[in-house]
Protein backbone atom coordinates (compact mmCIF):
# COMPACT_ATOMS: atom_id res chain seq x y z
CA MET A 1 14.14 -100.57 69.27
CA SER A 2 14.53 -97.01 68.32
CA ASP A 3 11.84 -94.46 67.78
CA GLU A 4 12.60 -91.81 65.22
CA PHE A 5 10.92 -88.50 65.08
CA GLU A 6 11.55 -85.40 63.03
CA VAL A 7 11.50 -81.86 64.33
CA HIS A 8 10.71 -79.18 61.77
CA GLY A 9 12.33 -75.80 62.03
CA PRO A 10 10.88 -72.44 60.94
CA HIS A 11 12.65 -72.69 57.58
CA ASP A 12 11.08 -76.07 56.81
CA HIS A 13 7.71 -74.73 57.81
CA ALA A 14 8.09 -71.73 55.47
CA LEU A 15 9.07 -73.99 52.59
CA GLU A 16 6.03 -76.17 53.13
CA HIS A 17 3.74 -73.17 52.97
CA ALA A 18 5.53 -71.82 49.89
CA GLY A 19 4.48 -74.77 47.80
CA GLY A 20 6.43 -77.82 48.75
CA HIS A 21 9.62 -79.15 50.18
CA GLY A 22 12.64 -77.36 48.72
CA ARG A 23 10.82 -75.82 45.76
CA SER A 24 11.23 -72.12 45.22
CA ASP A 25 8.99 -69.63 43.50
CA SER A 26 9.92 -70.05 39.85
CA PHE A 27 8.38 -66.69 38.78
CA ALA A 28 10.41 -64.80 41.38
CA SER A 29 13.53 -66.76 40.39
CA ARG A 30 13.07 -65.90 36.70
CA VAL A 31 12.58 -62.23 37.51
CA ALA A 32 15.63 -62.19 39.81
CA VAL A 33 17.84 -63.88 37.23
CA THR A 34 16.55 -61.52 34.52
CA ALA A 35 17.32 -58.52 36.73
CA ALA A 36 20.84 -59.82 37.34
CA VAL A 37 21.42 -60.36 33.62
CA LEU A 38 20.03 -56.90 32.88
CA ALA A 39 22.36 -55.37 35.46
CA THR A 40 25.30 -57.01 33.73
CA VAL A 41 24.16 -55.86 30.30
CA GLY A 42 23.56 -52.37 31.71
CA ALA A 43 27.08 -52.27 33.11
CA ILE A 44 28.49 -53.12 29.67
CA PHE A 45 26.36 -50.44 28.01
CA SER A 46 27.41 -47.92 30.63
CA TYR A 47 31.07 -48.72 30.00
CA GLN A 48 30.56 -48.26 26.24
CA SER A 49 28.82 -44.94 26.90
CA GLY A 50 31.72 -43.65 28.95
CA ASN A 51 34.24 -44.95 26.46
CA THR A 52 32.63 -43.19 23.51
CA GLU A 53 32.39 -40.01 25.56
CA ASN A 54 36.11 -40.17 26.25
CA GLN A 55 36.84 -40.80 22.55
CA ALA A 56 34.74 -37.72 21.64
CA LEU A 57 36.78 -35.63 24.07
CA ILE A 58 40.05 -36.96 22.66
CA PHE A 59 39.02 -36.08 19.11
CA LYS A 60 37.79 -32.63 20.21
CA ASN A 61 41.11 -32.05 21.97
CA GLU A 62 42.98 -33.16 18.86
CA ALA A 63 40.92 -30.71 16.79
CA ALA A 64 41.81 -27.86 19.21
CA ILE A 65 45.50 -28.72 19.02
CA ARG A 66 45.45 -28.84 15.20
CA LYS A 67 43.52 -25.55 15.08
CA THR A 68 46.26 -23.91 17.15
CA ASP A 69 48.91 -25.41 14.88
CA ALA A 70 47.06 -24.14 11.81
CA ALA A 71 46.76 -20.65 13.32
CA ASN A 72 50.49 -20.67 14.01
CA GLN A 73 51.21 -21.68 10.40
CA TRP A 74 48.95 -18.89 9.09
CA ALA A 75 50.77 -16.38 11.34
CA TYR A 76 54.07 -17.63 9.94
CA TYR A 77 52.65 -17.36 6.41
CA GLN A 78 51.58 -13.75 7.11
CA ALA A 79 55.01 -12.91 8.50
CA LYS A 80 56.64 -14.20 5.32
CA GLY A 81 54.13 -12.16 3.32
CA GLN A 82 55.00 -9.02 5.27
CA LYS A 83 58.70 -9.63 4.69
CA GLN A 84 57.93 -10.17 0.98
CA ASN A 85 56.01 -6.85 0.88
CA LEU A 86 58.88 -5.00 2.62
CA ALA A 87 61.38 -6.51 0.19
CA GLU A 88 59.22 -5.44 -2.77
CA LEU A 89 58.93 -1.95 -1.26
CA GLY A 90 62.71 -1.87 -0.78
CA ALA A 91 63.21 -2.85 -4.43
CA ALA A 92 60.80 -0.15 -5.58
CA LEU A 93 62.52 2.51 -3.49
CA SER A 94 66.04 1.45 -4.59
CA THR A 95 65.73 2.51 -8.22
CA SER A 96 68.85 4.67 -7.89
CA ASP A 97 70.91 1.72 -6.51
CA PRO A 98 70.60 -1.32 -8.89
CA ALA A 99 72.54 -3.63 -6.53
CA SER A 100 70.15 -2.95 -3.61
CA ALA A 101 67.13 -3.27 -5.89
CA ALA A 102 68.41 -6.65 -7.15
CA ARG A 103 69.01 -7.83 -3.55
CA PHE A 104 65.50 -6.72 -2.46
CA THR A 105 63.94 -8.38 -5.54
CA ALA A 106 65.76 -11.66 -4.80
CA GLU A 107 64.53 -11.52 -1.18
CA ALA A 108 60.94 -10.88 -2.36
CA VAL A 109 61.13 -13.92 -4.67
CA ARG A 110 62.58 -16.07 -1.85
CA TYR A 111 59.83 -15.03 0.60
CA LYS A 112 57.19 -15.75 -2.00
CA GLN A 113 58.62 -19.26 -2.54
CA GLU A 114 58.87 -19.89 1.21
CA LYS A 115 55.21 -18.97 1.72
CA GLU A 116 53.79 -21.73 -0.48
CA PRO A 117 54.79 -24.77 1.65
CA ILE A 118 53.61 -22.90 4.75
CA ARG A 119 50.19 -22.32 3.14
CA VAL A 120 49.93 -25.96 2.13
CA LYS A 121 50.83 -27.09 5.68
CA ALA A 122 48.29 -24.67 7.24
CA GLU A 123 45.52 -25.88 4.89
CA GLY A 124 46.41 -29.49 5.71
CA LEU A 125 46.15 -28.76 9.42
CA GLU A 126 42.78 -27.10 8.87
CA GLN A 127 41.58 -30.27 7.12
CA GLN A 128 42.76 -32.30 10.13
CA VAL A 129 40.68 -30.01 12.35
CA VAL A 130 37.58 -30.67 10.24
CA GLU A 131 38.18 -34.46 10.35
CA ALA A 132 38.80 -34.52 14.12
CA ASP A 133 35.65 -32.43 14.73
CA LYS A 134 33.64 -34.83 12.55
CA GLN A 135 34.99 -37.85 14.48
CA SER A 136 34.18 -36.13 17.77
CA GLU A 137 30.60 -35.48 16.69
CA GLU A 138 30.22 -39.12 15.59
CA GLN A 139 31.47 -40.28 18.99
CA VAL A 140 29.11 -37.90 20.81
CA HIS A 141 26.18 -39.32 18.86
CA GLN A 142 27.28 -42.86 19.63
CA HIS A 143 27.71 -41.88 23.30
CA HIS A 144 24.10 -40.65 23.39
CA ARG A 145 22.89 -43.96 21.95
CA TRP A 146 24.81 -45.95 24.55
CA ALA A 147 23.46 -43.66 27.31
CA GLN A 148 19.89 -44.19 26.01
CA ALA A 149 20.44 -47.96 25.98
CA THR A 150 21.79 -47.85 29.53
CA THR A 151 18.79 -45.82 30.71
CA LEU A 152 16.32 -48.26 29.11
CA ILE A 153 18.09 -51.19 30.81
CA GLN A 154 17.97 -49.36 34.14
CA VAL A 155 14.22 -48.82 33.73
CA ALA A 156 13.85 -52.53 32.90
CA ILE A 157 15.72 -53.42 36.10
CA ALA A 158 13.46 -51.09 38.12
CA LEU A 159 10.35 -52.66 36.55
CA SER A 160 11.74 -56.08 37.45
CA ALA A 161 12.03 -55.01 41.10
CA ILE A 162 8.48 -53.69 41.06
CA THR A 163 7.39 -56.95 39.43
CA LEU A 164 8.74 -58.90 42.39
CA LEU A 165 6.91 -56.66 44.84
CA ALA A 166 3.61 -56.58 42.91
CA ARG A 167 3.85 -60.18 41.68
CA SER A 168 2.50 -58.91 38.35
CA ARG A 169 3.29 -60.77 35.12
CA TRP A 170 2.30 -57.81 32.91
CA LEU A 171 4.94 -55.67 34.67
CA PHE A 172 7.48 -58.36 33.89
CA VAL A 173 6.45 -58.26 30.24
CA GLY A 174 6.91 -54.48 30.40
CA ALA A 175 10.39 -54.96 31.89
CA LEU A 176 11.30 -57.37 29.11
CA GLY A 177 9.98 -54.89 26.54
CA MET A 178 12.11 -52.13 27.99
CA ALA A 179 15.12 -54.43 28.02
CA LEU A 180 14.49 -55.32 24.38
CA ALA A 181 14.28 -51.61 23.52
CA GLY A 182 17.56 -51.06 25.37
CA VAL A 183 19.31 -53.85 23.46
CA ALA A 184 17.93 -52.52 20.16
CA THR A 185 19.25 -49.05 21.00
CA ALA A 186 22.65 -50.60 21.86
CA VAL A 187 22.70 -52.33 18.50
CA LEU A 188 22.10 -48.93 16.85
CA ALA A 189 24.97 -47.50 18.90
CA ALA A 190 27.28 -50.36 17.90
CA MET A 191 26.34 -49.81 14.23
CA HIS A 192 27.00 -46.04 14.57
CA ILE A 193 23.39 -45.21 13.65
């Protein structure tokens, strides 16, 4: 005949006092899972924030490069204009030598023709600057939205932690409200609003 007896350890004792054998606190579990989900969502929002910031910097850099290219084209255009002016002056001063006057006049016409494509290219580059600046500003705005969404999610996580300490359901509702506001702000960011 065998007598069986059971020895309870400290863990079993704690579980019994917590509300039953093997049952955990469902409120604390829900808050913990919510905080973990919010941390994941916050990481995604943070990544998007950094990505849009990088895109804004790339577009701003592109605008600076195009602005330099446009300035170089305008300098080239002005150089051709100065050569045209000198050729016109040479033609005007060469009235006693018809061959020199004709040569200077031909050069003035050539410089005038060479200037036009340079002007068109410079104006095109300036338009690219405007477009790149606009894209940069759009990305900066989107970055701010993602950063706002990330901040709201972080506040929701902090409220979740306080909820666990205070065991307060209204704080948990506040955390969920902040999380909802963060997700709504992220939707605005994704929609470029």
